[in-house]
Every structure is written in C-alpha cells, then in structure tokens.
Amino acid sequence: MNYELHKPIIADVPQIAALISRLSDKGLLLPRSVNDVYERLRDFVVAKCEGCLIGCAALHVGWGGLGEIRSLAVAEEARKIGVGRALIKSCLREATQLGIRQVFVLTYETAFFAKFGFREYPKEKLPQKVWKDCVHCPKFPNCDETAMLLDLASSTNQTDGGT
C-alpha cells in the first residue's frame, strides 16, 4: 500500500474526526469533536492512500519546550505497514524544527513508543496544564494510560522508530 504524508486541509476534517471517533469509541483514544479537529488542524499530519485518509497524528505545542503527540490513529486496513511509525517520525521532525526539547505521549502502546526512545514517565510530574483535555475523557480521573517522555536534546534517543 503506497501512501503519502502531508499537512491536512479543511476537507480532511470529517475523515480525521471519523477515524479518531472509531478508536475513541473503543476506549483507545481521547474523543475529539469535529470542532476540536478544526481548531487544531495545524497540529495534525495525515497519511493518505489514493485520496483516502488512512492515518493521522497531532503534535500539540505546549509550554517551556514541551510538546505532546496526540490522536495517533491508523485505519484498520492500514495497520502493520509503517503508517503509525511514519506519522510519529513526522511529528518528531516537526518538534525538532520548532525547538521543542521534550515530547510526551499518553498511551496504551508503550512498546511502540519505546522504539522511538520514549521512556515511561510519572504522570504526576507532568505539568497540570497537560490534563485540561483529560476532563473530556470518560475515564477521567482514573486514567489508565501510561505517560511516556522523549528527550529530543538527548543524543541517545532513537527517533527512527526501528526499521
């Protein structure tokens, strides 16, 4: 399956929201409204195959050199071919270009993110501003996701995500 990554356009919003919704309905992602996707469209990168959106991820720029990768979603039919890896690599390149020093993620897929050099990190050490979106999660305040952090300034991180 050949696919391309690019920044989304307004016409991509319904497909982004639908893809995220399919995974959030399964409890795997934080829900995002269509309005939220419109407002944060510039945060996203999307993967498309023959005009169909097959994946998305967002890099949210935080404060003090901290960023967050959010809303990583890959369509069922496009899994296991490197789409997720390509989306994360794109987000990490952008984070580096922006001067972000650390990137965190809240995830159930710790082994996947570990391939990029992310390490488990205590949630309570993350700034409280991180949790502003969590109040919209059905699992709040009993989050069962794992916080992971990547120090982009470290020369020992492996941002390639494996092969």
Protein backbone atom coordinates (compact mmCIF):
# COMPACT_ATOMS: atom_id res chain seq x y z
CA MET A 1 0.00 0.00 0.00
CA ASN A 2 1.52 3.31 -1.08
CA TYR A 3 0.67 6.34 1.00
CA GLU A 4 1.81 9.93 1.39
CA LEU A 5 2.07 12.15 4.46
CA HIS A 6 1.07 15.78 4.35
CA LYS A 7 -0.45 18.56 6.40
CA PRO A 8 -4.25 18.32 6.27
CA ILE A 9 -6.66 20.71 4.61
CA ILE A 10 -10.15 21.71 5.72
CA ALA A 11 -11.71 18.99 3.54
CA ASP A 12 -9.83 16.34 5.60
CA VAL A 13 -11.50 17.28 8.89
CA PRO A 14 -14.53 14.94 8.65
CA GLN A 15 -12.28 11.97 7.85
CA ILE A 16 -9.85 12.83 10.67
CA ALA A 17 -12.72 13.16 13.15
CA ALA A 18 -14.30 9.89 11.96
CA LEU A 19 -11.03 7.96 12.27
CA ILE A 20 -10.41 9.29 15.78
CA SER A 21 -14.03 8.57 16.71
CA ARG A 22 -13.74 4.91 15.67
CA LEU A 23 -10.82 4.45 18.05
CA SER A 24 -12.23 6.60 20.85
CA ASP A 25 -15.44 4.54 20.74
CA LYS A 26 -13.25 1.54 21.59
CA GLY A 27 -11.66 3.45 24.50
CA LEU A 28 -8.29 3.67 22.76
CA LEU A 29 -8.11 7.44 22.19
CA LEU A 30 -9.38 10.61 23.76
CA PRO A 31 -12.51 11.70 21.87
CA ARG A 32 -12.15 14.74 19.62
CA SER A 33 -15.11 16.67 18.31
CA VAL A 34 -15.22 17.88 14.72
CA ASN A 35 -14.92 21.41 16.10
CA ASP A 36 -11.82 20.43 18.07
CA VAL A 37 -10.20 18.98 14.93
CA TYR A 38 -10.98 22.20 13.02
CA GLU A 39 -9.44 24.30 15.80
CA ARG A 40 -6.29 22.14 15.96
CA LEU A 41 -5.97 21.30 12.28
CA ARG A 42 -2.49 22.82 12.10
CA ASP A 43 -1.31 20.33 14.75
CA PHE A 44 -2.08 17.35 12.51
CA VAL A 45 -0.25 15.37 9.88
CA VAL A 46 -2.23 12.87 7.84
CA ALA A 47 -1.47 9.78 5.77
CA LYS A 48 -3.46 9.25 2.58
CA CYS A 49 -3.63 6.42 0.10
CA GLU A 50 -5.32 7.17 -3.22
CA GLY A 51 -7.13 10.14 -1.70
CA CYS A 52 -8.43 8.24 1.34
CA LEU A 53 -7.25 9.21 4.79
CA ILE A 54 -5.67 6.18 6.45
CA GLY A 55 -3.95 7.77 9.44
CA CYS A 56 -3.37 10.89 11.48
CA ALA A 57 -1.37 12.21 14.40
CA ALA A 58 -1.04 15.60 16.02
CA LEU A 59 1.84 17.45 17.63
CA HIS A 60 0.49 19.82 20.25
CA VAL A 61 2.94 22.56 21.18
CA GLY A 62 2.95 23.11 24.90
CA TRP A 63 4.96 25.40 27.11
CA GLY A 64 8.57 25.59 28.15
CA GLY A 65 9.81 23.37 25.33
CA LEU A 66 7.32 20.56 25.98
CA GLY A 67 5.20 19.03 23.22
CA GLU A 68 2.65 16.23 23.11
CA ILE A 69 1.87 13.72 20.41
CA ARG A 70 -1.88 13.20 20.35
CA SER A 71 -4.57 11.46 18.36
CA LEU A 72 -2.38 8.87 16.65
CA ALA A 73 -4.90 6.86 14.65
CA VAL A 74 -4.39 4.41 11.81
CA ALA A 75 -7.23 2.79 9.90
CA GLU A 76 -7.60 -0.94 10.48
CA GLU A 77 -6.75 -1.81 6.88
CA ALA A 78 -3.53 0.24 7.02
CA ARG A 79 -2.00 -1.20 10.18
CA LYS A 80 1.32 -3.02 10.28
CA ILE A 81 2.71 -1.32 7.16
CA GLY A 82 4.54 1.58 8.83
CA VAL A 83 1.88 4.31 8.74
CA GLY A 84 1.98 4.91 12.50
CA ARG A 85 5.77 4.93 12.51
CA ALA A 86 5.85 7.45 9.64
CA LEU A 87 3.34 9.71 11.40
CA ILE A 88 5.35 9.70 14.64
CA LYS A 89 8.61 10.37 12.78
CA SER A 90 6.93 13.33 11.08
CA CYS A 91 5.74 14.73 14.42
CA LEU A 92 9.21 14.32 15.94
CA ARG A 93 10.87 16.07 12.97
CA GLU A 94 8.46 18.96 13.37
CA ALA A 95 9.09 19.09 17.11
CA THR A 96 12.82 19.32 16.48
CA GLN A 97 12.32 22.07 13.87
CA LEU A 98 10.22 24.04 16.36
CA GLY A 99 12.86 23.75 19.09
CA ILE A 100 10.76 21.52 21.33
CA ARG A 101 13.08 19.83 23.82
CA GLN A 102 10.80 17.12 25.20
CA VAL A 103 7.78 15.29 23.78
CA PHE A 104 5.37 13.22 25.82
CA VAL A 105 2.55 10.89 24.99
CA LEU A 106 -0.23 9.21 26.97
CA THR A 107 -0.63 5.75 25.51
CA TYR A 108 -1.59 2.11 25.80
CA GLU A 109 1.07 1.23 23.20
CA THR A 110 4.23 1.56 25.27
CA ALA A 111 6.29 -0.90 23.19
CA PHE A 112 5.54 1.07 20.02
CA PHE A 113 6.67 4.38 21.50
CA ALA A 114 9.71 2.81 23.18
CA LYS A 115 11.04 2.10 19.67
CA PHE A 116 11.43 5.86 19.24
CA GLY A 117 13.25 6.28 22.55
CA PHE A 118 10.25 7.25 24.69
CA ARG A 119 10.56 6.12 28.31
CA GLU A 120 7.85 5.70 30.91
CA TYR A 121 7.44 8.85 32.98
CA PRO A 122 5.39 9.52 36.14
CA LYS A 123 2.16 11.28 35.16
CA GLU A 124 2.24 13.36 38.33
CA LYS A 125 5.48 15.01 37.14
CA LEU A 126 3.81 16.39 34.00
CA PRO A 127 2.58 19.99 34.27
CA GLN A 128 -1.06 20.30 35.32
CA LYS A 129 -1.88 22.07 32.05
CA VAL A 130 -1.46 18.68 30.38
CA TRP A 131 -4.69 17.49 31.95
CA LYS A 132 -7.00 20.22 30.59
CA ASP A 133 -8.22 17.95 27.78
CA CYS A 134 -8.49 14.93 30.06
CA VAL A 135 -11.64 16.23 31.72
CA HIS A 136 -13.46 15.32 28.48
CA CYS A 137 -12.33 11.69 28.71
CA PRO A 138 -14.82 9.12 30.01
CA LYS A 139 -12.01 7.59 32.08
CA PHE A 140 -11.24 10.84 33.92
CA PRO A 141 -9.94 10.99 36.65
CA ASN A 142 -8.94 7.30 36.59
CA CYS A 143 -6.65 7.39 33.57
CA ASP A 144 -5.15 4.00 32.78
CA GLU A 145 -2.82 5.22 30.04
CA THR A 146 0.94 5.27 30.51
CA ALA A 147 2.82 8.56 30.26
CA MET A 148 6.00 8.38 28.22
CA LEU A 149 8.57 11.07 27.57
CA LEU A 150 11.23 11.56 24.91
CA ASP A 151 14.10 13.98 25.46
CA LEU A 152 14.90 15.30 21.99
CA ALA A 153 18.02 17.02 23.26
CA SER A 154 19.49 13.67 24.32
CA SER A 155 21.95 12.18 21.89
CA THR A 156 20.91 8.68 22.99
CA ASN A 157 17.30 8.74 21.81
CA GLN A 158 16.27 6.60 18.86
CA THR A 159 13.76 8.72 16.98
CA ASP A 160 13.77 6.45 13.96
CA GLY A 161 11.25 4.01 15.49
CA GLY A 162 13.08 0.94 14.33
CA THR A 163 13.10 -0.39 10.83
